[in-house]
Amino acid sequence: MPKPNPKRLGHLVLTVRDIKKSAKFYTEIVGLTVSDWITDQMVFMRCESGHDHHDLALAQAPPVLKEGGEVEAPRVGLEHFSYQLENLKEVEEAAEFLQKQGIEIVRGIGKHGPGENVFLVFKDPDGNYVEYYCDMTQIDPEVGYESNVWPNDLDAFDQWHYKRFVVPVPEDWAPAEED
């Protein structure tokens, strides 16, 4: 089994304390453009002249409740970074390769709603989440893109409803919908 051959570094996902404040910063200060939202839980942004649906995504960190009901600052920072593979076949081969190497796969193989990209997320030796992806929506800067707000549901996370996952689905995730 050959090792994966990434084409390039892809997008980053950051967990943030205040998604609206962070989205405003990345659009008004950094200069990114919003592609899509998943309710008020995630925002996908891109460089205006880029073609990928998103270069950066922000995820709202859930509050962490301490004993006694106090709210503690949530963990923020890097959720994952990604590398682009050529197609679904390469992502499937990468999953098999990772499993044979004893690498922990966290989630996938699945297909996100916003961006339509196939995903496979795994851990590096320090526990960082790394993603292989392919088939992301491409945006022609000359044509533009109509931003959407997706509901925070299974279709936004995995349009295949966990049917291609190579690891068990965590119990606290929404169950796959029946056909």
C-alpha atoms as a PDB file:
ATOM      1  CA  MET A   1       0.000   0.000   0.000  1.00  0.00           C
ATOM      2  CA  PRO A   2       1.639   3.287  -1.078  1.00  0.00           C
ATOM      3  CA  LYS A   3       1.651   6.186   1.353  1.00  0.00           C
ATOM      4  CA  PRO A   4      -0.679   9.123   0.560  1.00  0.00           C
ATOM      5  CA  ASN A   5       0.561  11.828  -1.796  1.00  0.00           C
ATOM      6  CA  PRO A   6      -0.987  15.186  -0.780  1.00  0.00           C
ATOM      7  CA  LYS A   7      -1.304  17.835  -3.506  1.00  0.00           C
ATOM      8  CA  ARG A   8      -1.128  20.821  -1.162  1.00  0.00           C
ATOM      9  CA  LEU A   9      -1.899  22.227   2.250  1.00  0.00           C
ATOM     10  CA  GLY A  10      -5.610  22.992   2.363  1.00  0.00           C
ATOM     11  CA  HIS A  11      -7.780  24.752   4.923  1.00  0.00           C
ATOM     12  CA  LEU A  12      -7.578  25.313   8.681  1.00  0.00           C
ATOM     13  CA  VAL A  13     -10.373  25.086  11.227  1.00  0.00           C
ATOM     14  CA  LEU A  14     -10.105  27.092  14.429  1.00  0.00           C
ATOM     15  CA  THR A  15     -12.271  26.766  17.533  1.00  0.00           C
ATOM     16  CA  VAL A  16     -13.169  30.240  18.826  1.00  0.00           C
ATOM     17  CA  ARG A  17     -14.871  31.677  21.934  1.00  0.00           C
ATOM     18  CA  ASP A  18     -17.118  34.161  20.098  1.00  0.00           C
ATOM     19  CA  ILE A  19     -17.841  33.165  16.502  1.00  0.00           C
ATOM     20  CA  LYS A  20     -19.537  36.442  15.525  1.00  0.00           C
ATOM     21  CA  LYS A  21     -16.670  38.541  16.874  1.00  0.00           C
ATOM     22  CA  SER A  22     -14.120  36.266  15.172  1.00  0.00           C
ATOM     23  CA  ALA A  23     -16.040  36.231  11.859  1.00  0.00           C
ATOM     24  CA  LYS A  24     -16.117  40.036  11.931  1.00  0.00           C
ATOM     25  CA  PHE A  25     -12.356  40.108  12.579  1.00  0.00           C
ATOM     26  CA  TYR A  26     -11.527  37.712   9.742  1.00  0.00           C
ATOM     27  CA  THR A  27     -13.802  39.503   7.258  1.00  0.00           C
ATOM     28  CA  GLU A  28     -13.293  43.170   8.219  1.00  0.00           C
ATOM     29  CA  ILE A  29      -9.659  43.059   9.373  1.00  0.00           C
ATOM     30  CA  VAL A  30      -8.049  40.090   7.595  1.00  0.00           C
ATOM     31  CA  GLY A  31     -10.166  40.541   4.431  1.00  0.00           C
ATOM     32  CA  LEU A  32     -11.754  37.102   3.974  1.00  0.00           C
ATOM     33  CA  THR A  33     -15.188  36.490   2.414  1.00  0.00           C
ATOM     34  CA  VAL A  34     -17.890  34.331   3.993  1.00  0.00           C
ATOM     35  CA  SER A  35     -18.875  31.299   1.926  1.00  0.00           C
ATOM     36  CA  ASP A  36     -21.395  29.617   4.261  1.00  0.00           C
ATOM     37  CA  TRP A  37     -22.539  29.322   7.865  1.00  0.00           C
ATOM     38  CA  ILE A  38     -23.881  26.379   9.841  1.00  0.00           C
ATOM     39  CA  THR A  39     -26.376  28.286  12.004  1.00  0.00           C
ATOM     40  CA  ASP A  40     -24.279  30.230  14.526  1.00  0.00           C
ATOM     41  CA  GLN A  41     -21.921  27.289  15.119  1.00  0.00           C
ATOM     42  CA  MET A  42     -19.514  27.416  12.140  1.00  0.00           C
ATOM     43  CA  VAL A  43     -18.517  29.882   9.454  1.00  0.00           C
ATOM     44  CA  PHE A  44     -16.569  29.018   6.300  1.00  0.00           C
ATOM     45  CA  MET A  45     -14.413  31.761   4.737  1.00  0.00           C
ATOM     46  CA  ARG A  46     -12.172  32.151   1.739  1.00  0.00           C
ATOM     47  CA  CYS A  47      -9.739  34.526   0.102  1.00  0.00           C
ATOM     48  CA  GLU A  48     -11.738  36.505  -2.453  1.00  0.00           C
ATOM     49  CA  SER A  49      -9.396  35.585  -5.307  1.00  0.00           C
ATOM     50  CA  GLY A  50      -9.159  31.938  -4.265  1.00  0.00           C
ATOM     51  CA  HIS A  51     -11.145  29.069  -5.709  1.00  0.00           C
ATOM     52  CA  ASP A  52     -11.689  26.810  -2.686  1.00  0.00           C
ATOM     53  CA  HIS A  53     -15.001  27.103  -0.860  1.00  0.00           C
ATOM     54  CA  HIS A  54     -13.026  27.776   2.323  1.00  0.00           C
ATOM     55  CA  ASP A  55      -9.465  28.426   3.402  1.00  0.00           C
ATOM     56  CA  LEU A  56     -10.461  28.994   7.012  1.00  0.00           C
ATOM     57  CA  ALA A  57     -13.414  27.786   9.042  1.00  0.00           C
ATOM     58  CA  LEU A  58     -14.300  28.878  12.556  1.00  0.00           C
ATOM     59  CA  ALA A  59     -16.182  26.660  15.001  1.00  0.00           C
ATOM     60  CA  GLN A  60     -17.939  28.024  18.078  1.00  0.00           C
ATOM     61  CA  ALA A  61     -16.444  26.473  21.199  1.00  0.00           C
ATOM     62  CA  PRO A  62     -19.111  25.204  23.566  1.00  0.00           C
ATOM     63  CA  PRO A  63     -18.964  26.671  27.078  1.00  0.00           C
ATOM     64  CA  VAL A  64     -17.347  24.424  29.624  1.00  0.00           C
ATOM     65  CA  LEU A  65     -19.350  24.138  32.841  1.00  0.00           C
ATOM     66  CA  LYS A  66     -17.384  23.686  36.022  1.00  0.00           C
ATOM     67  CA  GLU A  67     -18.671  22.106  39.189  1.00  0.00           C
ATOM     68  CA  GLY A  68     -21.119  24.499  40.811  1.00  0.00           C
ATOM     69  CA  GLY A  69     -22.414  25.783  37.453  1.00  0.00           C
ATOM     70  CA  GLU A  70     -19.597  28.239  36.731  1.00  0.00           C
ATOM     71  CA  VAL A  71     -18.675  28.696  33.083  1.00  0.00           C
ATOM     72  CA  GLU A  72     -15.005  28.158  32.272  1.00  0.00           C
ATOM     73  CA  ALA A  73     -13.323  29.507  29.141  1.00  0.00           C
ATOM     74  CA  PRO A  74     -13.533  26.822  26.433  1.00  0.00           C
ATOM     75  CA  ARG A  75     -10.488  25.364  24.712  1.00  0.00           C
ATOM     76  CA  VAL A  76      -9.787  27.424  21.624  1.00  0.00           C
ATOM     77  CA  GLY A  77      -7.274  27.221  18.818  1.00  0.00           C
ATOM     78  CA  LEU A  78      -6.507  24.756  16.092  1.00  0.00           C
ATOM     79  CA  GLU A  79      -9.198  22.115  15.558  1.00  0.00           C
ATOM     80  CA  HIS A  80      -7.577  20.672  12.422  1.00  0.00           C
ATOM     81  CA  PHE A  81      -5.550  21.466   9.329  1.00  0.00           C
ATOM     82  CA  SER A  82      -5.883  19.659   6.033  1.00  0.00           C
ATOM     83  CA  TYR A  83      -4.104  18.284   3.007  1.00  0.00           C
ATOM     84  CA  GLN A  84      -5.773  17.819  -0.353  1.00  0.00           C
ATOM     85  CA  LEU A  85      -5.777  14.425  -2.031  1.00  0.00           C
ATOM     86  CA  GLU A  86      -6.784  13.856  -5.654  1.00  0.00           C
ATOM     87  CA  ASN A  87     -10.095  12.004  -5.247  1.00  0.00           C
ATOM     88  CA  LEU A  88     -12.247   9.688  -3.121  1.00  0.00           C
ATOM     89  CA  LYS A  89     -10.199   6.649  -4.148  1.00  0.00           C
ATOM     90  CA  GLU A  90      -7.050   8.276  -2.715  1.00  0.00           C
ATOM     91  CA  VAL A  91      -8.888   9.153   0.517  1.00  0.00           C
ATOM     92  CA  GLU A  92     -10.059   5.535   0.818  1.00  0.00           C
ATOM     93  CA  GLU A  93      -6.516   4.282   0.178  1.00  0.00           C
ATOM     94  CA  ALA A  94      -5.202   6.771   2.751  1.00  0.00           C
ATOM     95  CA  ALA A  95      -7.676   5.420   5.335  1.00  0.00           C
ATOM     96  CA  GLU A  96      -6.441   1.884   4.687  1.00  0.00           C
ATOM     97  CA  PHE A  97      -2.818   3.034   4.890  1.00  0.00           C
ATOM     98  CA  LEU A  98      -3.415   4.860   8.195  1.00  0.00           C
ATOM     99  CA  GLN A  99      -5.165   1.848   9.687  1.00  0.00           C
ATOM    100  CA  LYS A 100      -2.282  -0.446   8.690  1.00  0.00           C
ATOM    101  CA  GLN A 101       0.151   1.985  10.325  1.00  0.00           C
ATOM    102  CA  GLY A 102      -1.885   2.007  13.560  1.00  0.00           C
ATOM    103  CA  ILE A 103      -2.759   5.700  13.230  1.00  0.00           C
ATOM    104  CA  GLU A 104      -5.905   6.741  15.103  1.00  0.00           C
ATOM    105  CA  ILE A 105      -8.671   7.884  12.763  1.00  0.00           C
ATOM    106  CA  VAL A 106     -11.002  10.356  14.463  1.00  0.00           C
ATOM    107  CA  ARG A 107     -13.804  10.764  11.914  1.00  0.00           C
ATOM    108  CA  GLY A 108     -14.605   9.916   8.331  1.00  0.00           C
ATOM    109  CA  ILE A 109     -14.731   9.011   5.575  1.00  0.00           C
ATOM    110  CA  GLY A 110     -17.625  11.424   5.116  1.00  0.00           C
ATOM    111  CA  LYS A 111     -18.837  14.294   2.939  1.00  0.00           C
ATOM    112  CA  HIS A 112     -19.538  17.710   4.442  1.00  0.00           C
ATOM    113  CA  GLY A 113     -22.485  19.858   3.398  1.00  0.00           C
ATOM    114  CA  PRO A 114     -20.820  23.292   3.233  1.00  0.00           C
ATOM    115  CA  GLY A 115     -17.991  22.948   0.735  1.00  0.00           C
ATOM    116  CA  GLU A 116     -19.141  19.462  -0.338  1.00  0.00           C
ATOM    117  CA  ASN A 117     -15.683  18.074   0.477  1.00  0.00           C
ATOM    118  CA  VAL A 118     -14.911  14.473   1.368  1.00  0.00           C
ATOM    119  CA  PHE A 119     -13.068  14.210   4.706  1.00  0.00           C
ATOM    120  CA  LEU A 120     -10.940  11.838   6.762  1.00  0.00           C
ATOM    121  CA  VAL A 121      -9.537  13.128  10.066  1.00  0.00           C
ATOM    122  CA  PHE A 122      -6.747  11.431  12.033  1.00  0.00           C
ATOM    123  CA  LYS A 123      -4.270  12.226  14.820  1.00  0.00           C
ATOM    124  CA  ASP A 124      -0.573  12.992  14.553  1.00  0.00           C
ATOM    125  CA  PRO A 125       1.850  11.789  17.306  1.00  0.00           C
ATOM    126  CA  ASP A 126       1.041  14.866  19.442  1.00  0.00           C
ATOM    127  CA  GLY A 127      -2.726  14.492  19.133  1.00  0.00           C
ATOM    128  CA  ASN A 128      -3.222  17.244  16.539  1.00  0.00           C
ATOM    129  CA  TYR A 129      -6.051  16.567  14.123  1.00  0.00           C
ATOM    130  CA  VAL A 130      -4.995  16.280  10.475  1.00  0.00           C
ATOM    131  CA  GLU A 131      -7.474  15.944   7.620  1.00  0.00           C
ATOM    132  CA  TYR A 132      -7.209  14.492   4.152  1.00  0.00           C
ATOM    133  CA  TYR A 133      -9.885  15.907   1.872  1.00  0.00           C
ATOM    134  CA  CYS A 134     -10.880  16.042  -1.775  1.00  0.00           C
ATOM    135  CA  ASP A 135     -13.615  17.372  -4.052  1.00  0.00           C
ATOM    136  CA  MET A 136     -14.158  20.745  -2.357  1.00  0.00           C
ATOM    137  CA  THR A 137     -16.568  23.142  -4.054  1.00  0.00           C
ATOM    138  CA  GLN A 138     -14.639  25.474  -6.347  1.00  0.00           C
ATOM    139  CA  ILE A 139     -15.700  29.106  -6.674  1.00  0.00           C
ATOM    140  CA  ASP A 140     -14.973  31.198  -9.737  1.00  0.00           C
ATOM    141  CA  PRO A 141     -14.085  34.681  -8.406  1.00  0.00           C
ATOM    142  CA  GLU A 142     -15.461  36.188 -11.620  1.00  0.00           C
ATOM    143  CA  VAL A 143     -18.876  34.563 -11.054  1.00  0.00           C
ATOM    144  CA  GLY A 144     -19.026  34.760  -7.257  1.00  0.00           C
ATOM    145  CA  TYR A 145     -20.904  32.582  -4.811  1.00  0.00           C
ATOM    146  CA  GLU A 146     -24.212  32.907  -2.963  1.00  0.00           C
ATOM    147  CA  SER A 147     -23.583  32.402   0.759  1.00  0.00           C
ATOM    148  CA  ASN A 148     -25.925  29.994   2.573  1.00  0.00           C
ATOM    149  CA  VAL A 149     -26.866  29.221   6.160  1.00  0.00           C
ATOM    150  CA  TRP A 150     -27.066  25.478   6.732  1.00  0.00           C
ATOM    151  CA  PRO A 151     -29.027  23.970   9.607  1.00  0.00           C
ATOM    152  CA  ASN A 152     -26.871  22.391  12.290  1.00  0.00           C
ATOM    153  CA  ASP A 153     -27.824  18.834  11.350  1.00  0.00           C
ATOM    154  CA  LEU A 154     -26.390  15.585  10.050  1.00  0.00           C
ATOM    155  CA  ASP A 155     -26.482  16.704   6.387  1.00  0.00           C
ATOM    156  CA  ALA A 156     -24.261  19.679   7.213  1.00  0.00           C
ATOM    157  CA  PHE A 157     -21.729  17.373   8.864  1.00  0.00           C
ATOM    158  CA  ASP A 158     -21.935  14.236   6.724  1.00  0.00           C
ATOM    159  CA  GLN A 159     -24.211  13.981   3.693  1.00  0.00           C
ATOM    160  CA  TRP A 160     -23.448  10.250   3.542  1.00  0.00           C
ATOM    161  CA  HIS A 161     -24.861   9.804   7.072  1.00  0.00           C
ATOM    162  CA  TYR A 162     -21.846   7.889   8.426  1.00  0.00           C
ATOM    163  CA  LYS A 163     -22.269   5.104   5.852  1.00  0.00           C
ATOM    164  CA  ARG A 164     -18.596   5.370   4.779  1.00  0.00           C
ATOM    165  CA  PHE A 165     -17.102   5.967   8.229  1.00  0.00           C
ATOM    166  CA  VAL A 166     -14.147   3.649   8.848  1.00  0.00           C
ATOM    167  CA  VAL A 167     -14.388   4.112  12.636  1.00  0.00           C
ATOM    168  CA  PRO A 168     -17.354   3.781  14.980  1.00  0.00           C
ATOM    169  CA  VAL A 169     -19.531   6.872  15.260  1.00  0.00           C
ATOM    170  CA  PRO A 170     -19.280   8.360  18.779  1.00  0.00           C
ATOM    171  CA  GLU A 171     -22.430   7.682  20.798  1.00  0.00           C
ATOM    172  CA  ASP A 172     -23.067  11.377  21.485  1.00  0.00           C
ATOM    173  CA  TRP A 173     -23.264  12.225  17.758  1.00  0.00           C
ATOM    174  CA  ALA A 174     -26.606  12.325  16.014  1.00  0.00           C
ATOM    175  CA  PRO A 175     -27.601   8.881  14.718  1.00  0.00           C
ATOM    176  CA  ALA A 176     -27.646   8.287  10.985  1.00  0.00           C
ATOM    177  CA  GLU A 177     -31.035   8.934   9.437  1.00  0.00           C
ATOM    178  CA  GLU A 178     -32.862   6.003   7.916  1.00  0.00           C
ATOM    179  CA  ASP A 179     -33.301   5.793   4.139  1.00  0.00           C
END
